[in-house]
All heavy atoms as atom14 arrays in JSON, in Angstrom:
{
  "sequence": "LAVPALAPGSAGATAPTPADARTAAVAAYAAPDGYYDGAEGKTGDALK",
  "atom14_mask": [
    [1, 1, 1, 1, 1, 1, 1, 1, 0, 0, 0, 0, 0, 0],
    [1, 1, 1, 1, 1, 0, 0, 0, 0, 0, 0, 0, 0, 0],
    [1, 1, 1, 1, 1, 1, 1, 0, 0, 0, 0, 0, 0, 0],
    [1, 1, 1, 1, 1, 1, 1, 0, 0, 0, 0, 0, 0, 0],
    [1, 1, 1, 1, 1, 0, 0, 0, 0, 0, 0, 0, 0, 0],
    [1, 1, 1, 1, 1, 1, 1, 1, 0, 0, 0, 0, 0, 0],
    [1, 1, 1, 1, 1, 0, 0, 0, 0, 0, 0, 0, 0, 0],
    [1, 1, 1, 1, 1, 1, 1, 0, 0, 0, 0, 0, 0, 0],
    [1, 1, 1, 1, 0, 0, 0, 0, 0, 0, 0, 0, 0, 0],
    [1, 1, 1, 1, 1, 1, 0, 0, 0, 0, 0, 0, 0, 0],
    [1, 1, 1, 1, 1, 0, 0, 0, 0, 0, 0, 0, 0, 0],
    [1, 1, 1, 1, 0, 0, 0, 0, 0, 0, 0, 0, 0, 0],
    [1, 1, 1, 1, 1, 0, 0, 0, 0, 0, 0, 0, 0, 0],
    [1, 1, 1, 1, 1, 1, 1, 0, 0, 0, 0, 0, 0, 0],
    [1, 1, 1, 1, 1, 0, 0, 0, 0, 0, 0, 0, 0, 0],
    [1, 1, 1, 1, 1, 1, 1, 0, 0, 0, 0, 0, 0, 0],
    [1, 1, 1, 1, 1, 1, 1, 0, 0, 0, 0, 0, 0, 0],
    [1, 1, 1, 1, 1, 1, 1, 0, 0, 0, 0, 0, 0, 0],
    [1, 1, 1, 1, 1, 0, 0, 0, 0, 0, 0, 0, 0, 0],
    [1, 1, 1, 1, 1, 1, 1, 1, 0, 0, 0, 0, 0, 0],
    [1, 1, 1, 1, 1, 0, 0, 0, 0, 0, 0, 0, 0, 0],
    [1, 1, 1, 1, 1, 1, 1, 1, 1, 1, 1, 0, 0, 0],
    [1, 1, 1, 1, 1, 1, 1, 0, 0, 0, 0, 0, 0, 0],
    [1, 1, 1, 1, 1, 0, 0, 0, 0, 0, 0, 0, 0, 0],
    [1, 1, 1, 1, 1, 0, 0, 0, 0, 0, 0, 0, 0, 0],
    [1, 1, 1, 1, 1, 1, 1, 0, 0, 0, 0, 0, 0, 0],
    [1, 1, 1, 1, 1, 0, 0, 0, 0, 0, 0, 0, 0, 0],
    [1, 1, 1, 1, 1, 0, 0, 0, 0, 0, 0, 0, 0, 0],
    [1, 1, 1, 1, 1, 1, 1, 1, 1, 1, 1, 1, 0, 0],
    [1, 1, 1, 1, 1, 0, 0, 0, 0, 0, 0, 0, 0, 0],
    [1, 1, 1, 1, 1, 0, 0, 0, 0, 0, 0, 0, 0, 0],
    [1, 1, 1, 1, 1, 1, 1, 0, 0, 0, 0, 0, 0, 0],
    [1, 1, 1, 1, 1, 1, 1, 1, 0, 0, 0, 0, 0, 0],
    [1, 1, 1, 1, 0, 0, 0, 0, 0, 0, 0, 0, 0, 0],
    [1, 1, 1, 1, 1, 1, 1, 1, 1, 1, 1, 1, 0, 0],
    [1, 1, 1, 1, 1, 1, 1, 1, 1, 1, 1, 1, 0, 0],
    [1, 1, 1, 1, 1, 1, 1, 1, 0, 0, 0, 0, 0, 0],
    [1, 1, 1, 1, 0, 0, 0, 0, 0, 0, 0, 0, 0, 0],
    [1, 1, 1, 1, 1, 0, 0, 0, 0, 0, 0, 0, 0, 0],
    [1, 1, 1, 1, 1, 1, 1, 1, 1, 0, 0, 0, 0, 0],
    [1, 1, 1, 1, 0, 0, 0, 0, 0, 0, 0, 0, 0, 0],
    [1, 1, 1, 1, 1, 1, 1, 1, 1, 0, 0, 0, 0, 0],
    [1, 1, 1, 1, 1, 1, 1, 0, 0, 0, 0, 0, 0, 0],
    [1, 1, 1, 1, 0, 0, 0, 0, 0, 0, 0, 0, 0, 0],
    [1, 1, 1, 1, 1, 1, 1, 1, 0, 0, 0, 0, 0, 0],
    [1, 1, 1, 1, 1, 0, 0, 0, 0, 0, 0, 0, 0, 0],
    [1, 1, 1, 1, 1, 1, 1, 1, 0, 0, 0, 0, 0, 0],
    [1, 1, 1, 1, 1, 1, 1, 1, 1, 0, 0, 0, 0, 0]
  ],
  "atom14_positions": [
    [[0.34, -22.53, 1.98], [-0.54, -21.55, 1.34], [-1.36, -20.79, 2.37], [-1.77, -19.66, 2.15], [-1.47, -22.26, 0.36], [-0.81, -22.8, -0.9], [-1.81, -23.62, -1.7], [-0.27, -21.66, -1.77], [0.0, 0.0, 0.0], [0.0, 0.0, 0.0], [0.0, 0.0, 0.0], [0.0, 0.0, 0.0], [0.0, 0.0, 0.0], [0.0, 0.0, 0.0]],
    [[-1.61, -21.45, 3.52], [-2.48, -20.82, 4.51], [-1.76, -19.89, 5.47], [-2.38, -19.1, 6.15], [-3.19, -21.9, 5.32], [0.0, 0.0, 0.0], [0.0, 0.0, 0.0], [0.0, 0.0, 0.0], [0.0, 0.0, 0.0], [0.0, 0.0, 0.0], [0.0, 0.0, 0.0], [0.0, 0.0, 0.0], [0.0, 0.0, 0.0], [0.0, 0.0, 0.0]],
    [[-0.42, -20.02, 5.54], [0.33, -19.22, 6.51], [0.37, -17.76, 6.06], [0.76, -17.48, 4.94], [1.77, -19.75, 6.65], [2.61, -18.81, 7.52], [1.77, -21.14, 7.24], [0.0, 0.0, 0.0], [0.0, 0.0, 0.0], [0.0, 0.0, 0.0], [0.0, 0.0, 0.0], [0.0, 0.0, 0.0], [0.0, 0.0, 0.0], [0.0, 0.0, 0.0]],
    [[-0.02, -16.82, 6.9], [0.02, -15.42, 6.51], [1.45, -14.92, 6.45], [2.35, -15.46, 7.1], [-0.76, -14.71, 7.63], [-0.6, -15.61, 8.81], [-0.57, -17.01, 8.26], [0.0, 0.0, 0.0], [0.0, 0.0, 0.0], [0.0, 0.0, 0.0], [0.0, 0.0, 0.0], [0.0, 0.0, 0.0], [0.0, 0.0, 0.0], [0.0, 0.0, 0.0]],
    [[1.66, -13.87, 5.64], [2.99, -13.28, 5.56], [3.39, -12.69, 6.91], [2.55, -12.18, 7.65], [3.0, -12.18, 4.49], [0.0, 0.0, 0.0], [0.0, 0.0, 0.0], [0.0, 0.0, 0.0], [0.0, 0.0, 0.0], [0.0, 0.0, 0.0], [0.0, 0.0, 0.0], [0.0, 0.0, 0.0], [0.0, 0.0, 0.0], [0.0, 0.0, 0.0]],
    [[4.66, -12.79, 7.22], [5.14, -12.22, 8.48], [5.12, -10.7, 8.4], [5.31, -10.1, 7.34], [6.59, -12.69, 8.74], [6.77, -14.2, 8.98], [8.26, -14.51, 9.09], [6.03, -14.63, 10.24], [0.0, 0.0, 0.0], [0.0, 0.0, 0.0], [0.0, 0.0, 0.0], [0.0, 0.0, 0.0], [0.0, 0.0, 0.0], [0.0, 0.0, 0.0]],
    [[4.88, -10.08, 9.51], [4.88, -8.62, 9.56], [6.26, -8.1, 9.29], [7.27, -8.77, 9.58], [4.39, -8.16, 10.94], [0.0, 0.0, 0.0], [0.0, 0.0, 0.0], [0.0, 0.0, 0.0], [0.0, 0.0, 0.0], [0.0, 0.0, 0.0], [0.0, 0.0, 0.0], [0.0, 0.0, 0.0], [0.0, 0.0, 0.0], [0.0, 0.0, 0.0]],
    [[6.39, -6.89, 8.71], [7.71, -6.31, 8.45], [8.56, -6.32, 9.72], [8.12, -5.95, 10.81], [7.37, -4.88, 8.01], [5.99, -4.97, 7.44], [5.3, -6.0, 8.29], [0.0, 0.0, 0.0], [0.0, 0.0, 0.0], [0.0, 0.0, 0.0], [0.0, 0.0, 0.0], [0.0, 0.0, 0.0], [0.0, 0.0, 0.0], [0.0, 0.0, 0.0]],
    [[9.79, -6.77, 9.56], [10.7, -6.78, 10.71], [10.62, -8.05, 11.54], [11.38, -8.22, 12.48], [0.0, 0.0, 0.0], [0.0, 0.0, 0.0], [0.0, 0.0, 0.0], [0.0, 0.0, 0.0], [0.0, 0.0, 0.0], [0.0, 0.0, 0.0], [0.0, 0.0, 0.0], [0.0, 0.0, 0.0], [0.0, 0.0, 0.0], [0.0, 0.0, 0.0]],
    [[9.66, -8.96, 11.22], [9.54, -10.2, 11.99], [10.75, -11.09, 11.73], [11.27, -11.15, 10.62], [8.27, -10.94, 11.61], [7.13, -10.18, 11.94], [0.0, 0.0, 0.0], [0.0, 0.0, 0.0], [0.0, 0.0, 0.0], [0.0, 0.0, 0.0], [0.0, 0.0, 0.0], [0.0, 0.0, 0.0], [0.0, 0.0, 0.0], [0.0, 0.0, 0.0]],
    [[11.14, -11.83, 12.72], [12.25, -12.75, 12.55], [11.79, -13.98, 11.81], [10.63, -14.32, 11.8], [12.81, -13.13, 13.94], [0.0, 0.0, 0.0], [0.0, 0.0, 0.0], [0.0, 0.0, 0.0], [0.0, 0.0, 0.0], [0.0, 0.0, 0.0], [0.0, 0.0, 0.0], [0.0, 0.0, 0.0], [0.0, 0.0, 0.0], [0.0, 0.0, 0.0]],
    [[12.77, -14.68, 11.22], [12.46, -15.95, 10.57], [12.33, -15.8, 9.08], [12.49, -14.72, 8.5], [0.0, 0.0, 0.0], [0.0, 0.0, 0.0], [0.0, 0.0, 0.0], [0.0, 0.0, 0.0], [0.0, 0.0, 0.0], [0.0, 0.0, 0.0], [0.0, 0.0, 0.0], [0.0, 0.0, 0.0], [0.0, 0.0, 0.0], [0.0, 0.0, 0.0]],
    [[11.99, -16.92, 8.42], [11.89, -16.98, 6.95], [10.67, -16.23, 6.49], [9.7, -16.05, 7.21], [11.82, -18.44, 6.5], [0.0, 0.0, 0.0], [0.0, 0.0, 0.0], [0.0, 0.0, 0.0], [0.0, 0.0, 0.0], [0.0, 0.0, 0.0], [0.0, 0.0, 0.0], [0.0, 0.0, 0.0], [0.0, 0.0, 0.0], [0.0, 0.0, 0.0]],
    [[10.72, -15.82, 5.23], [9.56, -15.17, 4.62], [8.48, -16.19, 4.33], [8.74, -17.39, 4.26], [9.97, -14.47, 3.31], [10.53, -15.44, 2.42], [10.99, -13.38, 3.58], [0.0, 0.0, 0.0], [0.0, 0.0, 0.0], [0.0, 0.0, 0.0], [0.0, 0.0, 0.0], [0.0, 0.0, 0.0], [0.0, 0.0, 0.0], [0.0, 0.0, 0.0]],
    [[7.26, -15.71, 4.14], [6.13, -16.59, 3.89], [6.31, -17.31, 2.55], [6.86, -16.75, 1.6], [4.84, -15.78, 3.85], [0.0, 0.0, 0.0], [0.0, 0.0, 0.0], [0.0, 0.0, 0.0], [0.0, 0.0, 0.0], [0.0, 0.0, 0.0], [0.0, 0.0, 0.0], [0.0, 0.0, 0.0], [0.0, 0.0, 0.0], [0.0, 0.0, 0.0]],
    [[5.87, -18.57, 2.44], [5.98, -19.31, 1.18], [5.15, -18.63, 0.1], [4.09, -18.07, 0.36], [5.45, -20.71, 1.53], [4.62, -20.52, 2.74], [5.23, -19.39, 3.5], [0.0, 0.0, 0.0], [0.0, 0.0, 0.0], [0.0, 0.0, 0.0], [0.0, 0.0, 0.0], [0.0, 0.0, 0.0], [0.0, 0.0, 0.0], [0.0, 0.0, 0.0]],
    [[5.62, -18.72, -1.12], [4.92, -18.14, -2.27], [4.13, -19.21, -2.98], [4.35, -20.42, -2.8], [5.93, -17.54, -3.24], [6.69, -18.6, -3.82], [6.87, -16.55, -2.53], [0.0, 0.0, 0.0], [0.0, 0.0, 0.0], [0.0, 0.0, 0.0], [0.0, 0.0, 0.0], [0.0, 0.0, 0.0], [0.0, 0.0, 0.0], [0.0, 0.0, 0.0]],
    [[3.18, -18.82, -3.85], [2.48, -19.82, -4.66], [3.45, -20.68, -5.48], [3.2, -21.87, -5.67], [1.57, -18.96, -5.55], [1.33, -17.72, -4.75], [2.62, -17.47, -4.01], [0.0, 0.0, 0.0], [0.0, 0.0, 0.0], [0.0, 0.0, 0.0], [0.0, 0.0, 0.0], [0.0, 0.0, 0.0], [0.0, 0.0, 0.0], [0.0, 0.0, 0.0]],
    [[4.55, -20.08, -5.95], [5.52, -20.89, -6.71], [6.15, -21.97, -5.85], [6.35, -23.1, -6.29], [6.62, -19.97, -7.27], [0.0, 0.0, 0.0], [0.0, 0.0, 0.0], [0.0, 0.0, 0.0], [0.0, 0.0, 0.0], [0.0, 0.0, 0.0], [0.0, 0.0, 0.0], [0.0, 0.0, 0.0], [0.0, 0.0, 0.0], [0.0, 0.0, 0.0]],
    [[6.42, -21.63, -4.55], [6.93, -22.64, -3.62], [5.94, -23.79, -3.47], [6.32, -24.96, -3.43], [7.16, -22.02, -2.24], [8.25, -20.96, -2.24], [9.17, -21.07, -3.06], [8.16, -20.05, -1.4], [0.0, 0.0, 0.0], [0.0, 0.0, 0.0], [0.0, 0.0, 0.0], [0.0, 0.0, 0.0], [0.0, 0.0, 0.0], [0.0, 0.0, 0.0]],
    [[4.66, -23.43, -3.36], [3.62, -24.45, -3.19], [3.52, -25.34, -4.42], [3.37, -26.56, -4.3], [2.27, -23.76, -2.94], [0.0, 0.0, 0.0], [0.0, 0.0, 0.0], [0.0, 0.0, 0.0], [0.0, 0.0, 0.0], [0.0, 0.0, 0.0], [0.0, 0.0, 0.0], [0.0, 0.0, 0.0], [0.0, 0.0, 0.0], [0.0, 0.0, 0.0]],
    [[3.63, -24.74, -5.61], [3.58, -25.57, -6.83], [4.74, -26.52, -6.89], [4.6, -27.68, -7.26], [3.54, -24.66, -8.06], [2.19, -23.98, -8.32], [2.15, -23.36, -9.7], [3.1, -22.26, -9.84], [2.85, -21.01, -9.54], [1.67, -20.67, -9.06], [3.76, -20.07, -9.71], [0.0, 0.0, 0.0], [0.0, 0.0, 0.0], [0.0, 0.0, 0.0]],
    [[5.94, -26.05, -6.52], [7.11, -26.89, -6.53], [6.96, -28.06, -5.55], [7.29, -29.2, -5.87], [8.35, -26.08, -6.15], [8.54, -25.04, -7.11], [9.61, -26.94, -6.13], [0.0, 0.0, 0.0], [0.0, 0.0, 0.0], [0.0, 0.0, 0.0], [0.0, 0.0, 0.0], [0.0, 0.0, 0.0], [0.0, 0.0, 0.0], [0.0, 0.0, 0.0]],
    [[6.41, -27.77, -4.39], [6.18, -28.83, -3.39], [5.16, -29.85, -3.89], [5.29, -31.05, -3.67], [5.72, -28.22, -2.07], [0.0, 0.0, 0.0], [0.0, 0.0, 0.0], [0.0, 0.0, 0.0], [0.0, 0.0, 0.0], [0.0, 0.0, 0.0], [0.0, 0.0, 0.0], [0.0, 0.0, 0.0], [0.0, 0.0, 0.0], [0.0, 0.0, 0.0]],
    [[4.12, -29.35, -4.6], [3.08, -30.26, -5.13], [3.68, -31.2, -6.15], [3.39, -32.41, -6.17], [1.93, -29.45, -5.72], [0.0, 0.0, 0.0], [0.0, 0.0, 0.0], [0.0, 0.0, 0.0], [0.0, 0.0, 0.0], [0.0, 0.0, 0.0], [0.0, 0.0, 0.0], [0.0, 0.0, 0.0], [0.0, 0.0, 0.0], [0.0, 0.0, 0.0]],
    [[4.54, -30.68, -7.04], [5.18, -31.53, -8.04], [6.01, -32.6, -7.36], [5.97, -33.77, -7.73], [6.03, -30.68, -8.99], [6.9, -31.57, -9.87], [5.16, -29.8, -9.86], [0.0, 0.0, 0.0], [0.0, 0.0, 0.0], [0.0, 0.0, 0.0], [0.0, 0.0, 0.0], [0.0, 0.0, 0.0], [0.0, 0.0, 0.0], [0.0, 0.0, 0.0]],
    [[6.75, -32.2, -6.32], [7.58, -33.18, -5.61], [6.72, -34.22, -4.92], [7.07, -35.41, -4.89], [8.45, -32.45, -4.58], [0.0, 0.0, 0.0], [0.0, 0.0, 0.0], [0.0, 0.0, 0.0], [0.0, 0.0, 0.0], [0.0, 0.0, 0.0], [0.0, 0.0, 0.0], [0.0, 0.0, 0.0], [0.0, 0.0, 0.0], [0.0, 0.0, 0.0]],
    [[5.57, -33.83, -4.39], [4.7, -34.76, -3.69], [4.19, -35.85, -4.6], [4.01, -36.98, -4.16], [3.53, -34.0, -3.08], [0.0, 0.0, 0.0], [0.0, 0.0, 0.0], [0.0, 0.0, 0.0], [0.0, 0.0, 0.0], [0.0, 0.0, 0.0], [0.0, 0.0, 0.0], [0.0, 0.0, 0.0], [0.0, 0.0, 0.0], [0.0, 0.0, 0.0]],
    [[3.96, -35.52, -5.86], [3.36, -36.48, -6.78], [4.35, -37.06, -7.78], [3.97, -37.59, -8.81], [2.2, -35.81, -7.51], [1.08, -35.36, -6.59], [0.62, -34.05, -6.62], [0.54, -36.22, -5.66], [-0.39, -33.63, -5.75], [-0.47, -35.82, -4.8], [-0.93, -34.52, -4.85], [-1.92, -34.11, -3.99], [0.0, 0.0, 0.0], [0.0, 0.0, 0.0]],
    [[5.63, -36.96, -7.51], [6.65, -37.5, -8.4], [6.65, -39.02, -8.36], [6.22, -39.65, -7.38], [8.02, -36.96, -8.02], [0.0, 0.0, 0.0], [0.0, 0.0, 0.0], [0.0, 0.0, 0.0], [0.0, 0.0, 0.0], [0.0, 0.0, 0.0], [0.0, 0.0, 0.0], [0.0, 0.0, 0.0], [0.0, 0.0, 0.0], [0.0, 0.0, 0.0]],
    [[7.14, -39.63, -9.43], [7.26, -41.09, -9.47], [8.28, -41.56, -8.45], [9.21, -40.84, -8.12], [7.67, -41.53, -10.87], [0.0, 0.0, 0.0], [0.0, 0.0, 0.0], [0.0, 0.0, 0.0], [0.0, 0.0, 0.0], [0.0, 0.0, 0.0], [0.0, 0.0, 0.0], [0.0, 0.0, 0.0], [0.0, 0.0, 0.0], [0.0, 0.0, 0.0]],
    [[8.12, -42.78, -7.94], [9.11, -43.32, -7.01], [10.48, -43.42, -7.66], [10.59, -43.61, -8.88], [8.56, -44.7, -6.66], [7.14, -44.7, -7.09], [7.03, -43.73, -8.22], [0.0, 0.0, 0.0], [0.0, 0.0, 0.0], [0.0, 0.0, 0.0], [0.0, 0.0, 0.0], [0.0, 0.0, 0.0], [0.0, 0.0, 0.0], [0.0, 0.0, 0.0]],
    [[11.5, -43.31, -6.86], [12.86, -43.48, -7.37], [12.99, -44.82, -8.08], [12.57, -45.85, -7.56], [13.87, -43.41, -6.23], [14.03, -42.01, -5.63], [13.57, -41.06, -6.3], [14.55, -41.9, -4.52], [0.0, 0.0, 0.0], [0.0, 0.0, 0.0], [0.0, 0.0, 0.0], [0.0, 0.0, 0.0], [0.0, 0.0, 0.0], [0.0, 0.0, 0.0]],
    [[13.56, -44.8, -9.26], [13.82, -46.03, -10.0], [12.72, -46.46, -10.94], [12.92, -47.36, -11.76], [0.0, 0.0, 0.0], [0.0, 0.0, 0.0], [0.0, 0.0, 0.0], [0.0, 0.0, 0.0], [0.0, 0.0, 0.0], [0.0, 0.0, 0.0], [0.0, 0.0, 0.0], [0.0, 0.0, 0.0], [0.0, 0.0, 0.0], [0.0, 0.0, 0.0]],
    [[11.54, -45.85, -10.84], [10.41, -46.31, -11.66], [10.72, -46.23, -13.14], [10.37, -47.13, -13.91], [9.15, -45.49, -11.33], [7.9, -46.01, -12.04], [7.25, -47.16, -11.6], [7.38, -45.34, -13.15], [6.12, -47.64, -12.23], [6.24, -45.8, -13.79], [5.62, -46.95, -13.33], [4.49, -47.42, -13.98], [0.0, 0.0, 0.0], [0.0, 0.0, 0.0]],
    [[11.4, -45.19, -13.57], [11.69, -45.0, -14.99], [13.14, -45.3, -15.36], [13.59, -44.91, -16.44], [11.35, -43.56, -15.38], [9.88, -43.22, -15.36], [9.38, -42.25, -14.5], [8.97, -43.86, -16.21], [8.03, -41.93, -14.47], [7.62, -43.56, -16.19], [7.16, -42.59, -15.32], [5.8, -42.28, -15.3], [0.0, 0.0, 0.0], [0.0, 0.0, 0.0]],
    [[13.81, -46.06, -14.52], [15.23, -46.34, -14.81], [15.41, -46.94, -16.21], [16.39, -46.63, -16.9], [15.81, -47.28, -13.76], [16.23, -46.55, -12.49], [16.11, -45.31, -12.45], [16.67, -47.22, -11.52], [0.0, 0.0, 0.0], [0.0, 0.0, 0.0], [0.0, 0.0, 0.0], [0.0, 0.0, 0.0], [0.0, 0.0, 0.0], [0.0, 0.0, 0.0]],
    [[14.52, -47.83, -16.61], [14.67, -48.49, -17.9], [14.46, -47.6, -19.09], [14.77, -47.98, -20.24], [0.0, 0.0, 0.0], [0.0, 0.0, 0.0], [0.0, 0.0, 0.0], [0.0, 0.0, 0.0], [0.0, 0.0, 0.0], [0.0, 0.0, 0.0], [0.0, 0.0, 0.0], [0.0, 0.0, 0.0], [0.0, 0.0, 0.0], [0.0, 0.0, 0.0]],
    [[13.93, -46.38, -18.87], [13.66, -45.46, -19.95], [14.7, -44.33, -20.06], [14.76, -43.66, -21.1], [12.27, -44.86, -19.79], [0.0, 0.0, 0.0], [0.0, 0.0, 0.0], [0.0, 0.0, 0.0], [0.0, 0.0, 0.0], [0.0, 0.0, 0.0], [0.0, 0.0, 0.0], [0.0, 0.0, 0.0], [0.0, 0.0, 0.0], [0.0, 0.0, 0.0]],
    [[15.46, -44.13, -19.02], [16.38, -42.99, -18.99], [17.4, -43.08, -20.12], [17.97, -44.13, -20.42], [17.09, -42.92, -17.64], [16.2, -42.68, -16.45], [15.49, -41.32, -16.5], [15.96, -40.42, -17.22], [14.47, -41.18, -15.8], [0.0, 0.0, 0.0], [0.0, 0.0, 0.0], [0.0, 0.0, 0.0], [0.0, 0.0, 0.0], [0.0, 0.0, 0.0]],
    [[17.62, -41.93, -20.79], [18.62, -41.85, -21.84], [18.17, -42.34, -23.19], [18.94, -42.27, -24.17], [0.0, 0.0, 0.0], [0.0, 0.0, 0.0], [0.0, 0.0, 0.0], [0.0, 0.0, 0.0], [0.0, 0.0, 0.0], [0.0, 0.0, 0.0], [0.0, 0.0, 0.0], [0.0, 0.0, 0.0], [0.0, 0.0, 0.0], [0.0, 0.0, 0.0]],
    [[16.92, -42.8, -23.3], [16.42, -43.32, -24.57], [15.54, -42.28, -25.28], [14.98, -41.38, -24.66], [15.63, -44.61, -24.35], [16.45, -45.78, -23.82], [15.58, -47.02, -23.67], [16.4, -48.27, -23.39], [17.14, -48.2, -22.13], [0.0, 0.0, 0.0], [0.0, 0.0, 0.0], [0.0, 0.0, 0.0], [0.0, 0.0, 0.0], [0.0, 0.0, 0.0]],
    [[15.42, -42.43, -26.59], [14.54, -41.6, -27.39], [13.85, -42.44, -28.44], [14.23, -43.61, -28.64], [15.32, -40.45, -28.1], [16.31, -41.04, -29.0], [15.98, -39.53, -27.11], [0.0, 0.0, 0.0], [0.0, 0.0, 0.0], [0.0, 0.0, 0.0], [0.0, 0.0, 0.0], [0.0, 0.0, 0.0], [0.0, 0.0, 0.0], [0.0, 0.0, 0.0]],
    [[12.87, -41.88, -29.14], [12.23, -42.54, -30.25], [11.61, -43.87, -29.9], [11.04, -44.04, -28.81], [0.0, 0.0, 0.0], [0.0, 0.0, 0.0], [0.0, 0.0, 0.0], [0.0, 0.0, 0.0], [0.0, 0.0, 0.0], [0.0, 0.0, 0.0], [0.0, 0.0, 0.0], [0.0, 0.0, 0.0], [0.0, 0.0, 0.0], [0.0, 0.0, 0.0]],
    [[11.72, -44.85, -30.79], [11.12, -46.15, -30.61], [11.69, -46.88, -29.38], [10.97, -47.64, -28.72], [11.31, -47.02, -31.85], [10.44, -46.58, -33.01], [9.48, -45.82, -32.79], [10.75, -46.97, -34.16], [0.0, 0.0, 0.0], [0.0, 0.0, 0.0], [0.0, 0.0, 0.0], [0.0, 0.0, 0.0], [0.0, 0.0, 0.0], [0.0, 0.0, 0.0]],
    [[12.96, -46.64, -29.08], [13.57, -47.29, -27.93], [12.92, -46.8, -26.63], [12.65, -47.59, -25.71], [15.07, -47.03, -27.89], [0.0, 0.0, 0.0], [0.0, 0.0, 0.0], [0.0, 0.0, 0.0], [0.0, 0.0, 0.0], [0.0, 0.0, 0.0], [0.0, 0.0, 0.0], [0.0, 0.0, 0.0], [0.0, 0.0, 0.0], [0.0, 0.0, 0.0]],
    [[12.63, -45.5, -26.55], [11.95, -44.95, -25.39], [10.52, -45.47, -25.3], [10.05, -45.87, -24.23], [11.94, -43.43, -25.46], [11.16, -42.68, -24.37], [11.66, -43.06, -22.98], [11.24, -41.18, -24.58], [0.0, 0.0, 0.0], [0.0, 0.0, 0.0], [0.0, 0.0, 0.0], [0.0, 0.0, 0.0], [0.0, 0.0, 0.0], [0.0, 0.0, 0.0]],
    [[9.83, -45.52, -26.43], [8.46, -46.02, -26.46], [8.39, -47.47, -25.99], [7.53, -47.85, -25.22], [7.91, -45.89, -27.9], [6.4, -46.1, -28.03], [5.98, -45.59, -29.39], [4.47, -45.68, -29.61], [4.07, -46.96, -30.21], [0.0, 0.0, 0.0], [0.0, 0.0, 0.0], [0.0, 0.0, 0.0], [0.0, 0.0, 0.0], [0.0, 0.0, 0.0]]
  ]
}
């Protein structure tokens, strides 16, 4: 979020967008792999 946009014609990737930052934040706070394995594919009372 703090990196300024590159000047026109600059080499390299474009500056990250707020949407990129939100996606990274969601990934940062995701549950550990396997935490919800017992719930996957279930609905209703079985999921509860």
